[in-house]
PDB file of all heavy atoms in Angstrom:
ATOM      1  N   ALA A   1     113.467  82.516 124.475  1.00  0.00           N
ATOM      2  CA  ALA A   1     114.396  82.157 123.395  1.00  0.00           C
ATOM      3  C   ALA A   1     113.787  81.048 122.541  1.00  0.00           C
ATOM      4  O   ALA A   1     113.194  80.107 123.070  1.00  0.00           O
ATOM      5  CB  ALA A   1     115.723  81.721 123.973  1.00  0.00           C
ATOM      6  N   GLY A   2     113.927  81.203 121.220  1.00  0.00           N
ATOM      7  CA  GLY A   2     113.357  80.238 120.298  1.00  0.00           C
ATOM      8  C   GLY A   2     111.986  80.609 119.776  1.00  0.00           C
ATOM      9  O   GLY A   2     111.515  80.026 118.791  1.00  0.00           O
ATOM     10  N   ASP A   3     111.335  81.564 120.423  1.00  0.00           N
ATOM     11  CA  ASP A   3     110.004  82.000 120.000  1.00  0.00           C
ATOM     12  C   ASP A   3     110.100  82.923 118.784  1.00  0.00           C
ATOM     13  O   ASP A   3     111.204  83.290 118.341  1.00  0.00           O
ATOM     14  CB  ASP A   3     109.299  82.728 121.139  1.00  0.00           C
ATOM     15  CG  ASP A   3     108.807  81.789 122.215  1.00  0.00           C
ATOM     16  OD1 ASP A   3     108.842  80.558 122.003  1.00  0.00           O
ATOM     17  OD2 ASP A   3     108.389  82.283 123.293  1.00  0.00           O
ATOM     18  N   SER A   4     108.930  83.304 118.298  1.00  0.00           N
ATOM     19  CA  SER A   4     108.835  84.203 117.150  1.00  0.00           C
ATOM     20  C   SER A   4     107.997  85.429 117.499  1.00  0.00           C
ATOM     21  O   SER A   4     107.126  85.367 118.378  1.00  0.00           O
ATOM     22  CB  SER A   4     108.182  83.480 115.962  1.00  0.00           C
ATOM     23  OG  SER A   4     108.955  82.378 115.539  1.00  0.00           O
ATOM     24  N   LEU A   5     108.261  86.509 116.798  1.00  0.00           N
ATOM     25  CA  LEU A   5     107.459  87.727 116.868  1.00  0.00           C
ATOM     26  C   LEU A   5     107.399  88.326 115.476  1.00  0.00           C
ATOM     27  O   LEU A   5     108.335  88.168 114.686  1.00  0.00           O
ATOM     28  CB  LEU A   5     108.081  88.765 117.811  1.00  0.00           C
ATOM     29  CG  LEU A   5     107.855  88.657 119.313  1.00  0.00           C
ATOM     30  CD1 LEU A   5     108.669  89.733 120.031  1.00  0.00           C
ATOM     31  CD2 LEU A   5     106.379  88.780 119.661  1.00  0.00           C
ATOM     32  N   ARG A   6     106.321  89.051 115.208  1.00  0.00           N
ATOM     33  CA  ARG A   6     106.242  89.824 113.978  1.00  0.00           C
ATOM     34  C   ARG A   6     105.997  91.282 114.319  1.00  0.00           C
ATOM     35  O   ARG A   6     104.974  91.610 114.927  1.00  0.00           O
ATOM     36  CB  ARG A   6     105.142  89.320 113.045  1.00  0.00           C
ATOM     37  CG  ARG A   6     105.210  90.003 111.682  1.00  0.00           C
ATOM     38  CD  ARG A   6     104.203  89.474 110.692  1.00  0.00           C
ATOM     39  NE  ARG A   6     102.876  90.026 110.886  1.00  0.00           N
ATOM     40  CZ  ARG A   6     101.941  90.094 109.924  1.00  0.00           C
ATOM     41  NH1 ARG A   6     102.218  89.639 108.714  1.00  0.00           N
ATOM     42  NH2 ARG A   6     100.751  90.593 110.182  1.00  0.00           N
ATOM     43  N   LEU A   7     106.928  92.120 113.920  1.00  0.00           N
ATOM     44  CA  LEU A   7     106.781  93.555 114.092  1.00  0.00           C
ATOM     45  C   LEU A   7     106.116  94.147 112.855  1.00  0.00           C
ATOM     46  O   LEU A   7     106.355  93.693 111.733  1.00  0.00           O
ATOM     47  CB  LEU A   7     108.133  94.224 114.306  1.00  0.00           C
ATOM     48  CG  LEU A   7     109.005  93.676 115.439  1.00  0.00           C
ATOM     49  CD1 LEU A   7     110.288  94.511 115.553  1.00  0.00           C
ATOM     50  CD2 LEU A   7     108.257  93.644 116.746  1.00  0.00           C
ATOM     51  N   SER A   8     105.315  95.168 113.091  1.00  0.00           N
ATOM     52  CA  SER A   8     104.673  95.899 112.001  1.00  0.00           C
ATOM     53  C   SER A   8     105.012  97.372 112.118  1.00  0.00           C
ATOM     54  O   SER A   8     105.187  97.890 113.221  1.00  0.00           O
ATOM     55  CB  SER A   8     103.147  95.733 112.061  1.00  0.00           C
ATOM     56  OG  SER A   8     102.772  94.380 111.924  1.00  0.00           O
ATOM     57  N   CYS A   9     105.066  98.028 111.000  1.00  0.00           N
ATOM     58  CA  CYS A   9     105.310  99.470 110.967  1.00  0.00           C
ATOM     59  C   CYS A   9     104.361 100.050 109.924  1.00  0.00           C
ATOM     60  O   CYS A   9     104.507  99.781 108.729  1.00  0.00           O
ATOM     61  CB  CYS A   9     106.750  99.763 110.608  1.00  0.00           C
ATOM     62  SG  CYS A   9     107.101 101.509 110.293  1.00  0.00           S
ATOM     63  N   VAL A  10     103.401 100.808 110.405  1.00  0.00           N
ATOM     64  CA  VAL A  10     102.423 101.432 109.511  1.00  0.00           C
ATOM     65  C   VAL A  10     102.874 102.850 109.201  1.00  0.00           C
ATOM     66  O   VAL A  10     103.196 103.625 110.118  1.00  0.00           O
ATOM     67  CB  VAL A  10     101.027 101.443 110.148  1.00  0.00           C
ATOM     68  CG1 VAL A  10     100.030 102.121 109.215  1.00  0.00           C
ATOM     69  CG2 VAL A  10     100.574 100.025 110.463  1.00  0.00           C
ATOM     70  N   ALA A  11     102.876 103.179 107.933  1.00  0.00           N
ATOM     71  CA  ALA A  11     103.300 104.502 107.485  1.00  0.00           C
ATOM     72  C   ALA A  11     102.103 105.321 107.037  1.00  0.00           C
ATOM     73  O   ALA A  11     101.191 104.802 106.388  1.00  0.00           O
ATOM     74  CB  ALA A  11     104.288 104.374 106.340  1.00  0.00           C
ATOM     75  N   SER A  12     102.110 106.569 107.373  1.00  0.00           N
ATOM     76  CA  SER A  12     101.102 107.490 106.865  1.00  0.00           C
ATOM     77  C   SER A  12     101.840 108.653 106.221  1.00  0.00           C
ATOM     78  O   SER A  12     102.958 108.976 106.598  1.00  0.00           O
ATOM     79  CB  SER A  12     100.194 107.993 107.983  1.00  0.00           C
ATOM     80  OG  SER A  12     100.936 108.640 108.991  1.00  0.00           O
ATOM     81  N   GLY A  13     101.207 109.260 105.263  1.00  0.00           N
ATOM     82  CA  GLY A  13     101.870 110.316 104.540  1.00  0.00           C
ATOM     83  C   GLY A  13     101.950 109.992 103.065  1.00  0.00           C
ATOM     84  O   GLY A  13     101.207 109.150 102.562  1.00  0.00           O
ATOM     85  N   ARG A  14     102.901 110.594 102.431  1.00  0.00           N
ATOM     86  CA  ARG A  14     102.935 110.508 100.983  1.00  0.00           C
ATOM     87  C   ARG A  14     103.862 109.437 100.453  1.00  0.00           C
ATOM     88  O   ARG A  14     104.935 109.224 100.989  1.00  0.00           O
ATOM     89  CB  ARG A  14     103.376 111.860 100.422  1.00  0.00           C
ATOM     90  CG  ARG A  14     102.447 112.999 100.801  1.00  0.00           C
ATOM     91  CD  ARG A  14     102.974 114.323 100.297  1.00  0.00           C
ATOM     92  NE  ARG A  14     103.046 114.344  98.849  1.00  0.00           N
ATOM     93  CZ  ARG A  14     103.514 115.371  98.164  1.00  0.00           C
ATOM     94  NH1 ARG A  14     103.961 116.433  98.796  1.00  0.00           N
ATOM     95  NH2 ARG A  14     103.552 115.329  96.862  1.00  0.00           N
ATOM     96  N   ALA A  15     103.402 108.766  99.417  1.00  0.00           N
ATOM     97  CA  ALA A  15     104.263 107.956  98.556  1.00  0.00           C
ATOM     98  C   ALA A  15     105.050 106.875  99.291  1.00  0.00           C
ATOM     99  O   ALA A  15     106.239 106.690  99.019  1.00  0.00           O
ATOM    100  CB  ALA A  15     105.214 108.855  97.780  1.00  0.00           C
ATOM    101  N   PHE A  16     104.397 106.140 100.171  1.00  0.00           N
ATOM    102  CA  PHE A  16     105.075 105.049 100.876  1.00  0.00           C
ATOM    103  C   PHE A  16     105.725 104.096  99.898  1.00  0.00           C
ATOM    104  O   PHE A  16     106.832 103.596 100.149  1.00  0.00           O
ATOM    105  CB  PHE A  16     104.063 104.298 101.741  1.00  0.00           C
ATOM    106  CG  PHE A  16     104.599 103.012 102.309  1.00  0.00           C
ATOM    107  CD1 PHE A  16     105.370 103.033 103.466  1.00  0.00           C
ATOM    108  CD2 PHE A  16     104.335 101.786 101.708  1.00  0.00           C
ATOM    109  CE1 PHE A  16     105.868 101.859 104.005  1.00  0.00           C
ATOM    110  CE2 PHE A  16     104.827 100.608 102.245  1.00  0.00           C
ATOM    111  CZ  PHE A  16     105.589 100.642 103.390  1.00  0.00           C
ATOM    112  N   SER A  17     105.064 103.844  98.788  1.00  0.00           N
ATOM    113  CA  SER A  17     105.565 102.839  97.849  1.00  0.00           C
ATOM    114  C   SER A  17     106.879 103.232  97.203  1.00  0.00           C
ATOM    115  O   SER A  17     107.518 102.410  96.552  1.00  0.00           O
ATOM    116  CB  SER A  17     104.520 102.571  96.767  1.00  0.00           C
ATOM    117  OG  SER A  17     104.266 103.740  96.018  1.00  0.00           O
ATOM    118  N   ARG A  18     107.307 104.491  97.376  1.00  0.00           N
ATOM    119  CA  ARG A  18     108.572 104.947  96.808  1.00  0.00           C
ATOM    120  C   ARG A  18     109.619 105.228  97.881  1.00  0.00           C
ATOM    121  O   ARG A  18     110.562 105.992  97.651  1.00  0.00           O
ATOM    122  CB  ARG A  18     108.348 106.170  95.932  1.00  0.00           C
ATOM    123  CG  ARG A  18     107.622 105.823  94.637  1.00  0.00           C
ATOM    124  CD  ARG A  18     107.485 107.024  93.726  1.00  0.00           C
ATOM    125  NE  ARG A  18     106.947 106.630  92.433  1.00  0.00           N
ATOM    126  CZ  ARG A  18     107.698 106.338  91.390  1.00  0.00           C
ATOM    127  NH1 ARG A  18     109.003 106.424  91.468  1.00  0.00           N
ATOM    128  NH2 ARG A  18     107.148 105.976  90.244  1.00  0.00           N
ATOM    129  N   TYR A  19     109.433 104.633  99.051  1.00  0.00           N
ATOM    130  CA  TYR A  19     110.422 104.750 100.121  1.00  0.00           C
ATOM    131  C   TYR A  19     111.078 103.397 100.363  1.00  0.00           C
ATOM    132  O   TYR A  19     110.390 102.390 100.486  1.00  0.00           O
ATOM    133  CB  TYR A  19     109.771 105.220 101.426  1.00  0.00           C
ATOM    134  CG  TYR A  19     109.522 106.695 101.479  1.00  0.00           C
ATOM    135  CD1 TYR A  19     108.407 107.258 100.894  1.00  0.00           C
ATOM    136  CD2 TYR A  19     110.412 107.533 102.134  1.00  0.00           C
ATOM    137  CE1 TYR A  19     108.170 108.617 100.947  1.00  0.00           C
ATOM    138  CE2 TYR A  19     110.192 108.901 102.198  1.00  0.00           C
ATOM    139  CZ  TYR A  19     109.075 109.432 101.599  1.00  0.00           C
ATOM    140  OH  TYR A  19     108.847 110.776 101.650  1.00  0.00           O
ATOM    141  N   ALA A  20     112.399 103.399 100.417  1.00  0.00           N
ATOM    142  CA  ALA A  20     113.071 102.231 100.963  1.00  0.00           C
ATOM    143  C   ALA A  20     112.762 102.182 102.448  1.00  0.00           C
ATOM    144  O   ALA A  20     112.688 103.226 103.116  1.00  0.00           O
ATOM    145  CB  ALA A  20     114.574 102.333 100.744  1.00  0.00           C
ATOM    146  N   MET A  21     112.576 100.987 102.975  1.00  0.00           N
ATOM    147  CA  MET A  21     112.227 100.825 104.384  1.00  0.00           C
ATOM    148  C   MET A  21     113.248  99.925 105.084  1.00  0.00           C
ATOM    149  O   MET A  21     113.838  99.040 104.453  1.00  0.00           O
ATOM    150  CB  MET A  21     110.831 100.203 104.510  1.00  0.00           C
ATOM    151  CG  MET A  21     109.726 101.022 103.865  1.00  0.00           C
ATOM    152  SD  MET A  21     109.513 102.645 104.614  1.00  0.00           S
ATOM    153  CE  MET A  21     109.027 102.194 106.279  1.00  0.00           C
ATOM    154  N   ALA A  22     113.415 100.175 106.359  1.00  0.00           N
ATOM    155  CA  ALA A  22     114.395  99.389 107.110  1.00  0.00           C
ATOM    156  C   ALA A  22     113.984  99.251 108.563  1.00  0.00           C
ATOM    157  O   ALA A  22     113.145 100.006 109.060  1.00  0.00           O
ATOM    158  CB  ALA A  22     115.771 100.048 107.030  1.00  0.00           C
ATOM    159  N   TRP A  23     114.601  98.280 109.201  1.00  0.00           N
ATOM    160  CA  TRP A  23     114.502  98.113 110.638  1.00  0.00           C
ATOM    161  C   TRP A  23     115.903  98.251 111.222  1.00  0.00           C
ATOM    162  O   TRP A  23     116.868  97.677 110.687  1.00  0.00           O
ATOM    163  CB  TRP A  23     113.938  96.745 111.002  1.00  0.00           C
ATOM    164  CG  TRP A  23     112.483  96.596 110.686  1.00  0.00           C
ATOM    165  CD1 TRP A  23     111.934  96.081 109.554  1.00  0.00           C
ATOM    166  CD2 TRP A  23     111.394  96.950 111.533  1.00  0.00           C
ATOM    167  NE1 TRP A  23     110.564  96.094 109.632  1.00  0.00           N
ATOM    168  CE2 TRP A  23     110.199  96.625 110.846  1.00  0.00           C
ATOM    169  CE3 TRP A  23     111.284  97.509 112.812  1.00  0.00           C
ATOM    170  CZ2 TRP A  23     108.931  96.841 111.390  1.00  0.00           C
ATOM    171  CZ3 TRP A  23     110.020  97.719 113.354  1.00  0.00           C
ATOM    172  CH2 TRP A  23     108.864  97.389 112.647  1.00  0.00           C
ATOM    173  N   PHE A  24     115.992  98.997 112.305  1.00  0.00           N
ATOM    174  CA  PHE A  24     117.194  99.110 113.108  1.00  0.00           C
ATOM    175  C   PHE A  24     116.831  98.709 114.529  1.00  0.00           C
ATOM    176  O   PHE A  24     115.657  98.631 114.880  1.00  0.00           O
ATOM    177  CB  PHE A  24     117.709 100.554 113.101  1.00  0.00           C
ATOM    178  CG  PHE A  24     118.300 100.987 111.793  1.00  0.00           C
ATOM    179  CD1 PHE A  24     117.489 101.363 110.732  1.00  0.00           C
ATOM    180  CD2 PHE A  24     119.669 101.042 111.616  1.00  0.00           C
ATOM    181  CE1 PHE A  24     118.028 101.768 109.520  1.00  0.00           C
ATOM    182  CE2 PHE A  24     120.226 101.452 110.415  1.00  0.00           C
ATOM    183  CZ  PHE A  24     119.392 101.811 109.359  1.00  0.00           C
ATOM    184  N   ARG A  25     117.845  98.463 115.350  1.00  0.00           N
ATOM    185  CA  ARG A  25     117.585  98.158 116.749  1.00  0.00           C
ATOM    186  C   ARG A  25     118.670  98.753 117.627  1.00  0.00           C
ATOM    187  O   ARG A  25     119.796  98.964 117.192  1.00  0.00           O
ATOM    188  CB  ARG A  25     117.478  96.654 116.968  1.00  0.00           C
ATOM    189  CG  ARG A  25     118.782  95.893 116.772  1.00  0.00           C
ATOM    190  CD  ARG A  25     118.519  94.393 116.880  1.00  0.00           C
ATOM    191  NE  ARG A  25     119.749  93.626 116.715  1.00  0.00           N
ATOM    192  CZ  ARG A  25     119.796  92.296 116.640  1.00  0.00           C
ATOM    193  NH1 ARG A  25     118.671  91.580 116.719  1.00  0.00           N
ATOM    194  NH2 ARG A  25     120.952  91.679 116.498  1.00  0.00           N
ATOM    195  N   GLN A  26     118.297  98.987 118.879  1.00  0.00           N
ATOM    196  CA  GLN A  26     119.246  99.512 119.845  1.00  0.00           C
ATOM    197  C   GLN A  26     119.083  98.768 121.159  1.00  0.00           C
ATOM    198  O   GLN A  26     118.022  98.846 121.797  1.00  0.00           O
ATOM    199  CB  GLN A  26     119.054 101.011 120.057  1.00  0.00           C
ATOM    200  CG  GLN A  26     120.115 101.635 120.938  1.00  0.00           C
ATOM    201  CD  GLN A  26     120.088 103.144 120.895  1.00  0.00           C
ATOM    202  OE1 GLN A  26     119.093 103.761 120.536  1.00  0.00           O
ATOM    203  NE2 GLN A  26     121.211 103.756 121.241  1.00  0.00           N
ATOM    204  N   ALA A  27     120.125  98.069 121.533  1.00  0.00           N
ATOM    205  CA  ALA A  27     120.142  97.346 122.800  1.00  0.00           C
ATOM    206  C   ALA A  27     120.645  98.272 123.904  1.00  0.00           C
ATOM    207  O   ALA A  27     121.339  99.256 123.620  1.00  0.00           O
ATOM    208  CB  ALA A  27     121.045  96.128 122.684  1.00  0.00           C
ATOM    209  N   PRO A  28     120.330  97.976 125.155  1.00  0.00           N
ATOM    210  CA  PRO A  28     120.783  98.830 126.263  1.00  0.00           C
ATOM    211  C   PRO A  28     122.292  98.988 126.263  1.00  0.00           C
ATOM    212  O   PRO A  28     123.037  98.003 126.179  1.00  0.00           O
ATOM    213  CB  PRO A  28     120.300  98.068 127.502  1.00  0.00           C
ATOM    214  CG  PRO A  28     119.148  97.261 127.030  1.00  0.00           C
ATOM    215  CD  PRO A  28     119.468  96.872 125.625  1.00  0.00           C
ATOM    216  N   GLY A  29     122.734 100.239 126.322  1.00  0.00           N
ATOM    217  CA  GLY A  29     124.161 100.505 126.400  1.00  0.00           C
ATOM    218  C   GLY A  29     124.905 100.376 125.088  1.00  0.00           C
ATOM    219  O   GLY A  29     126.137 100.481 125.065  1.00  0.00           O
ATOM    220  N   LYS A  30     124.173 100.129 124.003  1.00  0.00           N
ATOM    221  CA  LYS A  30     124.816  99.955 122.703  1.00  0.00           C
ATOM    222  C   LYS A  30     124.285 100.967 121.701  1.00  0.00           C
ATOM    223  O   LYS A  30     123.224 101.567 121.893  1.00  0.00           O
ATOM    224  CB  LYS A  30     124.593  98.538 122.189  1.00  0.00           C
ATOM    225  CG  LYS A  30     125.246  97.468 123.043  1.00  0.00           C
ATOM    226  CD  LYS A  30     125.122  96.106 122.386  1.00  0.00           C
ATOM    227  CE  LYS A  30     125.845  95.043 123.189  1.00  0.00           C
ATOM    228  NZ  LYS A  30     125.772  93.713 122.534  1.00  0.00           N
ATOM    229  N   GLU A  31     125.022 101.140 120.620  1.00  0.00           N
ATOM    230  CA  GLU A  31     124.573 102.031 119.572  1.00  0.00           C
ATOM    231  C   GLU A  31     123.501 101.339 118.720  1.00  0.00           C
ATOM    232  O   GLU A  31     123.428 100.119 118.637  1.00  0.00           O
ATOM    233  CB  GLU A  31     125.753 102.440 118.687  1.00  0.00           C
ATOM    234  CG  GLU A  31     126.774 103.282 119.418  1.00  0.00           C
ATOM    235  CD  GLU A  31     127.816 103.851 118.479  1.00  0.00           C
ATOM    236  OE1 GLU A  31     127.808 103.497 117.294  1.00  0.00           O
ATOM    237  OE2 GLU A  31     128.637 104.656 118.947  1.00  0.00           O
ATOM    238  N   ARG A  32     122.694 102.159 118.089  1.00  0.00           N
ATOM    239  CA  ARG A  32     121.668 101.614 117.195  1.00  0.00           C
ATOM    240  C   ARG A  32     122.356 100.950 116.000  1.00  0.00           C
ATOM    241  O   ARG A  32     123.314 101.486 115.446  1.00  0.00           O
ATOM    242  CB  ARG A  32     120.735 102.728 116.748  1.00  0.00           C
ATOM    243  CG  ARG A  32     119.505 102.241 116.041  1.00  0.00           C
ATOM    244  CD  ARG A  32     118.376 103.256 116.114  1.00  0.00           C
ATOM    245  NE  ARG A  32     118.744 104.567 115.622  1.00  0.00           N
ATOM    246  CZ  ARG A  32     117.943 105.621 115.663  1.00  0.00           C
ATOM    247  NH1 ARG A  32     116.725 105.507 116.179  1.00  0.00           N
ATOM    248  NH2 ARG A  32     118.342 106.788 115.191  1.00  0.00           N
TER     249      ARG A  32
END
């Protein structure tokens, strides 16, 4: 607790620059 992390998501395919991007998460026993 209190630490930091940086997540990365590399995309391959077409037209990445024209996609909205998002992060979601899902904890155990919970909905995303």
